[in-house]
Amino acid sequence: MVLRSRRDGRAADATALALCLTGTHAAVLTQDHEGGPWTGRARVDLATSHPRAARLTRSPTWLEDLQVGHDGVTTDLVAGGFGQLGLRDLRLVTHADGRPYDDGSGRLHLTATSAGPGPFGTGHSSVWALDPARLGSAAGAPESGALTHTADLFVRRRGSSAVLGDPAGHLLRVDDAWLLATSTWGDFDPDRHDASVAVTLAETGADLLHGVHVVPGEPLPLPTDDPSVGVWDPHLLRTDDGWLVGYVSATRFFRFHPVIAEGPDLDSLRLRAADPDPGAVGGARPRPAHPGRARGGVPDQHPVAHAGPARRGLAAGHLRRHPSGRAGVRIRHPRRRRGDARGPALTWE
């Protein structure tokens, strides 16, 4: 079945035409004038229309053998990897202890989900460099170079040869290696009766800040407080006592809440705290506490966990040290605000 935009399904005098293959989805977009926005015209999921062909789209060997050509007269022909129609799930690249990763350039590094022209499986993880010195009323304009794309990351899960654009993750430097934790949205199908989302963890010595990489992902088992159909949006933090991992857990799609797990290592995580209120948070994110801050005379040395932007309003939380010296957890939800819905980067009508 081809999905054609009711509003934009017919193009008048397009100056450019794009045929995109992202995941199992093929899409056609047009541009009305040079430098103008791209408009989605039609999209088809090969997994439904051509299942055998769809399996090939996950194969690096098949993709490497693709050739680009055309019929008729053209003035220009460009081919390459798909960029993004928008960014979401932005997160700092960090050291294991939560400090922003510093490569000596003065720039901050971010991971993001590069949104594709379709549902979950059309996106992928990307890496960006942010130059704070270029931010400002004029310097922060798109052409200022404040934000620069540096890498694209894909995952090959255990037991599979398929390459997937699993996004919504966290990249951190641990000693002399990189850890990449991602969410398995790359092949998520909400219509499947057993639909689920999990977290994978990859470790590599490759330079994930630059270039295009496929990393082997291993399952990262995360505990949940209730029967769960999925966990996603992981954020990892190493402390003196071991590891803290923040994420969300869903009792059904898309009713989810923040969770914190802890353990001496990432193979032995246990539930530490959860807020069952379905505030639709975008992930619980442990981070180092402010040095020197104290509550009740006890230095607040435990990490802080921030829950990300909600789909409706904001949510936030933190880990704190109890005045008695015990480590406590509190995750709170401010009042939701109406009218804060965030739509997709490209809407197919």
Protein backbone atom coordinates (compact mmCIF):
# COMPACT_ATOMS: atom_id res chain seq x y z
CA MET A 1 0.00 0.00 0.00
CA VAL A 2 1.36 3.42 -0.98
CA LEU A 3 0.57 6.25 1.43
CA ARG A 4 -0.03 9.42 -0.56
CA SER A 5 -0.42 12.80 1.07
CA ARG A 6 -3.98 14.05 0.68
CA ARG A 7 -2.78 17.64 0.62
CA ASP A 8 0.55 17.27 -1.19
CA GLY A 9 0.18 14.04 -3.14
CA ARG A 10 0.35 15.86 -6.47
CA ALA A 11 3.30 18.08 -7.32
CA ALA A 12 3.08 21.00 -9.72
CA ASP A 13 6.40 22.34 -11.02
CA ALA A 14 8.99 20.67 -8.81
CA THR A 15 12.60 21.63 -9.38
CA ALA A 16 14.07 18.64 -7.53
CA LEU A 17 12.97 15.07 -6.83
CA ALA A 18 14.27 12.81 -4.05
CA LEU A 19 13.82 9.05 -3.73
CA CYS A 20 14.76 7.93 -0.22
CA LEU A 21 15.17 4.50 1.33
CA THR A 22 15.24 4.64 5.12
CA GLY A 23 14.80 1.32 6.88
CA THR A 24 12.12 -0.56 4.97
CA HIS A 25 10.37 2.62 3.84
CA ALA A 26 10.75 4.14 0.38
CA ALA A 27 9.60 7.76 0.08
CA VAL A 28 9.33 10.39 -2.63
CA LEU A 29 9.90 14.06 -1.80
CA THR A 30 10.02 17.14 -4.00
CA GLN A 31 11.45 20.64 -3.76
CA ASP A 32 9.57 23.56 -5.33
CA HIS A 33 12.60 25.87 -5.55
CA GLU A 34 16.32 25.61 -4.92
CA GLY A 35 17.08 25.83 -1.23
CA GLY A 36 13.40 25.50 -0.31
CA PRO A 37 11.81 22.92 1.98
CA TRP A 38 11.25 19.33 0.91
CA THR A 39 7.66 18.09 0.78
CA GLY A 40 6.71 14.45 1.26
CA ARG A 41 4.54 13.19 -1.61
CA ALA A 42 4.24 9.43 -1.07
CA ARG A 43 5.65 6.61 1.01
CA VAL A 44 5.50 2.81 0.93
CA ASP A 45 6.59 0.25 3.52
CA LEU A 46 8.34 -2.55 1.66
CA ALA A 47 7.83 -4.83 4.66
CA THR A 48 4.14 -4.87 3.73
CA SER A 49 4.25 -4.61 -0.06
CA HIS A 50 7.48 -6.55 -0.81
CA PRO A 51 8.61 -8.52 2.28
CA ARG A 52 11.53 -10.25 0.53
CA ALA A 53 12.88 -6.94 -0.71
CA ALA A 54 12.41 -5.40 2.74
CA ARG A 55 14.81 -7.94 4.26
CA LEU A 56 17.51 -6.79 1.85
CA THR A 57 17.26 -3.18 3.02
CA ARG A 58 18.86 -4.21 6.34
CA SER A 59 21.82 -5.87 4.62
CA PRO A 60 25.05 -3.81 4.43
CA THR A 61 26.29 -5.93 1.51
CA TRP A 62 23.17 -5.27 -0.54
CA LEU A 63 23.23 -1.56 0.29
CA GLU A 64 26.88 -1.24 -0.70
CA ASP A 65 26.08 -2.72 -4.13
CA LEU A 66 23.33 -0.20 -4.89
CA GLN A 67 23.96 1.91 -7.98
CA VAL A 68 22.46 5.29 -8.81
CA GLY A 69 21.15 6.16 -12.26
CA HIS A 70 18.39 8.05 -14.04
CA ASP A 71 16.37 8.25 -17.22
CA GLY A 72 15.77 11.53 -18.99
CA VAL A 73 17.47 14.89 -18.73
CA THR A 74 18.79 16.08 -15.36
CA THR A 75 20.98 18.98 -14.33
CA ASP A 76 22.39 17.38 -11.19
CA LEU A 77 22.48 13.98 -9.50
CA VAL A 78 23.36 13.55 -5.83
CA ALA A 79 23.44 10.31 -3.85
CA GLY A 80 24.41 9.41 -0.32
CA GLY A 81 23.13 8.66 3.14
CA PHE A 82 19.86 10.19 4.29
CA GLY A 83 20.28 13.09 6.71
CA GLN A 84 17.29 14.09 8.79
CA LEU A 85 13.99 15.93 8.61
CA GLY A 86 14.44 16.98 12.22
CA LEU A 87 16.24 16.12 15.44
CA ARG A 88 14.88 14.81 18.73
CA ASP A 89 16.19 13.00 21.82
CA LEU A 90 19.19 15.34 22.08
CA ARG A 91 21.61 14.32 24.80
CA LEU A 92 25.15 15.27 25.82
CA VAL A 93 27.97 12.86 25.11
CA THR A 94 29.57 12.33 28.51
CA HIS A 95 32.35 10.73 30.45
CA ALA A 96 31.31 7.80 32.64
CA ASP A 97 31.05 10.08 35.69
CA GLY A 98 28.56 12.36 33.94
CA ARG A 99 30.87 15.20 32.91
CA PRO A 100 30.41 16.44 29.32
CA TYR A 101 32.97 14.78 27.08
CA ASP A 102 35.88 17.10 26.39
CA ASP A 103 38.07 16.47 23.33
CA GLY A 104 40.00 19.72 23.78
CA SER A 105 38.20 21.55 20.96
CA GLY A 106 35.96 23.60 23.25
CA ARG A 107 32.88 22.07 21.62
CA LEU A 108 30.15 20.00 23.27
CA HIS A 109 29.15 16.74 21.61
CA LEU A 110 25.53 15.61 21.38
CA THR A 111 23.70 12.52 20.22
CA ALA A 112 20.30 12.84 18.58
CA THR A 113 17.66 10.86 16.76
CA SER A 114 17.75 11.91 13.12
CA ALA A 115 14.12 11.68 12.06
CA GLY A 116 13.35 10.05 8.74
CA PRO A 117 10.39 10.48 6.35
CA GLY A 118 8.18 8.00 8.13
CA PRO A 119 7.61 6.14 11.40
CA PHE A 120 10.03 4.76 13.98
CA GLY A 121 12.22 2.62 11.74
CA THR A 122 13.15 5.44 9.37
CA GLY A 123 15.28 7.29 11.92
CA HIS A 124 18.79 6.63 13.22
CA SER A 125 21.29 7.86 15.80
CA SER A 126 23.55 10.75 14.87
CA VAL A 127 26.33 12.72 16.58
CA TRP A 128 26.69 16.51 16.53
CA ALA A 129 29.25 19.05 17.73
CA LEU A 130 27.97 22.23 19.36
CA ASP A 131 30.18 25.31 19.56
CA PRO A 132 28.87 27.44 22.47
CA ALA A 133 30.85 30.43 21.23
CA ARG A 134 28.67 30.58 18.12
CA LEU A 135 25.38 30.60 19.99
CA GLY A 136 23.45 33.85 20.23
CA SER A 137 20.81 35.90 18.47
CA ALA A 138 22.75 36.02 15.19
CA ALA A 139 25.51 33.48 15.72
CA GLY A 140 23.00 30.74 16.45
CA ALA A 141 21.46 30.88 12.98
CA PRO A 142 21.57 27.60 11.00
CA GLU A 143 24.35 28.87 8.73
CA SER A 144 26.50 29.99 11.69
CA GLY A 145 28.11 26.58 12.13
CA ALA A 146 27.16 26.40 15.80
CA LEU A 147 25.86 22.85 15.29
CA THR A 148 27.83 20.50 13.04
CA HIS A 149 26.92 16.96 12.04
CA THR A 150 29.88 14.62 12.66
CA ALA A 151 28.71 10.99 12.73
CA ASP A 152 25.92 8.47 12.10
CA LEU A 153 25.57 5.34 14.23
CA PHE A 154 23.81 2.05 13.48
CA VAL A 155 23.43 -1.16 15.48
CA ARG A 156 23.69 -4.85 14.63
CA ARG A 157 21.96 -6.74 17.41
CA ARG A 158 23.09 -10.06 18.81
CA GLY A 159 22.04 -13.01 16.66
CA SER A 160 21.09 -10.87 13.67
CA SER A 161 22.89 -9.66 10.56
CA ALA A 162 20.42 -6.80 10.09
CA VAL A 163 21.68 -3.25 10.53
CA LEU A 164 19.20 -1.00 12.33
CA GLY A 165 19.07 2.70 13.09
CA ASP A 166 18.23 2.22 16.78
CA PRO A 167 17.98 5.75 18.25
CA ALA A 168 17.12 7.43 21.57
CA GLY A 169 20.35 6.59 23.31
CA HIS A 170 23.36 7.76 25.26
CA LEU A 171 27.02 7.79 24.18
CA LEU A 172 29.63 7.85 26.92
CA ARG A 173 33.38 7.49 27.22
CA VAL A 174 34.44 4.77 29.66
CA ASP A 175 38.21 4.56 30.14
CA ASP A 176 39.60 3.95 26.62
CA ALA A 177 36.37 2.82 24.95
CA TRP A 178 32.97 4.12 23.93
CA LEU A 179 29.69 2.74 25.28
CA LEU A 180 26.57 3.32 23.18
CA ALA A 181 23.21 2.52 24.76
CA THR A 182 20.27 2.69 22.34
CA SER A 183 16.57 1.87 22.21
CA THR A 184 15.30 -0.78 19.80
CA TRP A 185 12.92 1.47 17.85
CA GLY A 186 14.71 0.53 14.62
CA ASP A 187 12.25 -2.26 13.77
CA PHE A 188 9.39 -1.37 16.08
CA ASP A 189 5.95 -2.16 14.68
CA PRO A 190 3.09 -0.97 16.91
CA ASP A 191 0.65 -3.25 15.06
CA ARG A 192 2.41 -6.44 16.16
CA HIS A 193 0.73 -8.26 19.03
CA ASP A 194 4.12 -8.78 20.70
CA ALA A 195 5.45 -5.27 20.05
CA SER A 196 8.17 -4.34 22.51
CA VAL A 197 11.13 -2.02 22.95
CA ALA A 198 14.35 -2.85 24.78
CA VAL A 199 17.81 -1.36 25.31
CA THR A 200 21.05 -2.56 23.75
CA LEU A 201 24.60 -1.72 24.76
CA ALA A 202 27.61 -1.63 22.44
CA GLU A 203 31.27 -1.19 23.35
CA THR A 204 33.93 -0.23 20.83
CA GLY A 205 37.31 1.41 20.53
CA ALA A 206 36.34 3.07 17.22
CA ASP A 207 35.96 6.85 17.03
CA LEU A 208 32.17 7.14 17.26
CA LEU A 209 32.32 10.93 17.15
CA HIS A 210 33.23 10.91 13.45
CA GLY A 211 32.14 8.96 10.39
CA VAL A 212 29.57 6.20 9.89
CA HIS A 213 29.69 3.16 12.16
CA VAL A 214 27.86 -0.12 12.69
CA VAL A 215 28.40 -1.39 16.25
CA PRO A 216 27.43 -4.78 17.73
CA GLY A 217 24.70 -4.32 20.33
CA GLU A 218 24.15 -6.66 23.28
CA PRO A 219 20.93 -6.72 25.34
CA LEU A 220 21.05 -4.58 28.48
CA PRO A 221 18.49 -6.11 30.87
CA LEU A 222 16.72 -3.37 32.80
CA PRO A 223 14.44 -4.10 35.77
CA THR A 224 10.89 -2.73 35.86
CA ASP A 225 8.46 -2.05 38.68
CA ASP A 226 5.36 -3.32 36.84
CA PRO A 227 4.63 -5.62 33.92
CA SER A 228 6.26 -3.75 31.06
CA VAL A 229 5.91 -3.80 27.27
CA GLY A 230 9.10 -1.84 26.80
CA VAL A 231 11.94 0.26 28.19
CA TRP A 232 13.81 3.02 26.34
CA ASP A 233 15.73 6.33 26.58
CA PRO A 234 18.66 4.97 28.65
CA HIS A 235 21.17 7.21 30.39
CA LEU A 236 24.16 5.73 32.21
CA LEU A 237 26.27 7.08 35.07
CA ARG A 238 29.18 5.42 36.90
CA THR A 239 29.55 6.30 40.58
CA ASP A 240 31.90 5.21 43.35
CA ASP A 241 29.38 2.46 44.21
CA GLY A 242 28.83 1.14 40.69
CA TRP A 243 26.33 2.19 38.03
CA LEU A 244 23.08 4.12 37.85
CA VAL A 245 20.83 3.82 34.78
CA GLY A 246 17.85 6.05 34.13
CA TYR A 247 15.16 5.10 31.57
CA VAL A 248 11.42 4.88 31.11
CA SER A 249 9.19 1.82 31.35
CA ALA A 250 5.81 1.42 29.64
CA THR A 251 2.89 -0.58 30.95
CA ARG A 252 1.41 -0.15 27.48
CA PHE A 253 2.19 1.99 24.45
CA PHE A 254 2.45 4.87 25.11
CA ARG A 255 1.84 5.04 28.82
CA PHE A 256 5.23 5.24 30.52
CA HIS A 257 7.06 6.54 33.57
CA PRO A 258 10.67 7.10 34.79
CA VAL A 259 12.74 4.38 36.44
CA ILE A 260 16.19 4.31 38.06
CA ALA A 261 18.24 1.11 38.37
CA GLU A 262 21.52 0.58 40.22
CA GLY A 263 24.13 -2.12 40.49
CA PRO A 264 27.83 -2.85 41.00
CA ASP A 265 28.07 -3.44 37.23
CA LEU A 266 25.77 -3.23 34.23
CA ASP A 267 25.12 -6.99 34.35
CA SER A 268 23.70 -6.85 37.88
CA LEU A 269 21.20 -4.00 37.84
CA ARG A 270 18.31 -3.92 40.28
CA LEU A 271 15.40 -1.56 40.67
CA ARG A 272 16.20 1.49 42.79
CA ALA A 273 13.28 3.85 42.25
CA ALA A 274 10.29 4.45 40.01
CA ASP A 275 7.42 6.87 39.75
CA PRO A 276 4.36 5.01 38.48
CA ASP A 277 2.59 8.25 37.57
CA PRO A 278 2.39 8.17 33.73
CA GLY A 279 3.74 11.66 33.22
CA ALA A 280 4.96 10.82 29.69
CA VAL A 281 8.52 11.82 30.50
CA GLY A 282 11.23 11.51 27.90
CA GLY A 283 13.68 9.60 30.08
CA ALA A 284 15.29 9.78 33.52
CA ARG A 285 18.86 11.06 33.28
CA PRO A 286 21.30 10.70 36.18
CA ARG A 287 23.89 13.45 36.43
CA PRO A 288 26.44 14.54 39.04
CA ALA A 289 25.14 16.65 41.90
CA HIS A 290 26.42 20.19 42.48
CA PRO A 291 29.60 19.95 44.57
CA GLY A 292 29.38 21.28 48.08
CA ARG A 293 25.60 21.38 48.25
CA ALA A 294 24.30 19.92 51.48
CA ARG A 295 20.96 18.96 52.99
CA GLY A 296 20.69 18.57 56.72
CA GLY A 297 24.44 18.88 57.16
CA VAL A 298 25.20 15.87 54.92
CA PRO A 299 27.07 16.61 51.66
CA ASP A 300 24.86 15.87 48.68
CA GLN A 301 27.27 13.65 46.79
CA HIS A 302 24.79 11.39 45.05
CA PRO A 303 23.92 11.93 41.41
CA VAL A 304 20.93 13.81 40.17
CA ALA A 305 18.41 12.35 37.75
CA HIS A 306 16.57 14.65 35.39
CA ALA A 307 13.54 13.41 33.53
CA GLY A 308 13.34 14.86 30.04
CA PRO A 309 10.62 16.93 28.37
CA ALA A 310 7.19 15.42 28.59
CA ARG A 311 4.89 15.03 25.64
CA ARG A 312 2.51 17.17 27.67
CA GLY A 313 4.44 19.54 29.90
CA LEU A 314 7.70 18.85 31.75
CA ALA A 315 8.86 16.38 34.33
CA ALA A 316 11.94 16.34 36.52
CA GLY A 317 13.47 14.33 39.31
CA HIS A 318 16.60 13.86 41.31
CA LEU A 319 18.53 11.46 43.49
CA ARG A 320 19.32 12.94 46.88
CA ARG A 321 21.06 12.01 50.11
CA HIS A 322 18.76 11.80 53.12
CA PRO A 323 19.82 13.82 56.23
CA SER A 324 20.36 10.48 58.00
CA GLY A 325 23.02 9.61 55.44
CA ARG A 326 20.87 7.16 53.48
CA ALA A 327 20.67 7.60 49.73
CA GLY A 328 17.16 8.46 48.70
CA VAL A 329 15.37 8.90 45.42
CA ARG A 330 12.65 11.36 44.53
CA ILE A 331 11.10 11.75 41.12
CA ARG A 332 8.51 14.46 40.78
CA HIS A 333 6.21 15.73 38.05
CA PRO A 334 5.34 19.42 37.77
CA ARG A 335 1.83 20.22 36.67
CA ARG A 336 1.26 19.39 33.05
CA ARG A 337 0.73 22.25 30.66
CA ARG A 338 -1.83 22.12 27.92
CA GLY A 339 -1.04 22.89 24.34
CA ASP A 340 2.54 21.57 24.49
CA ALA A 341 2.15 18.73 22.01
CA ARG A 342 5.08 18.20 19.72
CA GLY A 343 4.34 16.94 16.23
CA PRO A 344 6.52 14.99 13.83
CA ALA A 345 9.00 16.72 11.57
CA LEU A 346 7.09 15.57 8.48
CA THR A 347 3.37 14.84 8.50
CA TRP A 348 1.85 12.48 5.98
CA GLU A 349 -1.78 13.44 5.56
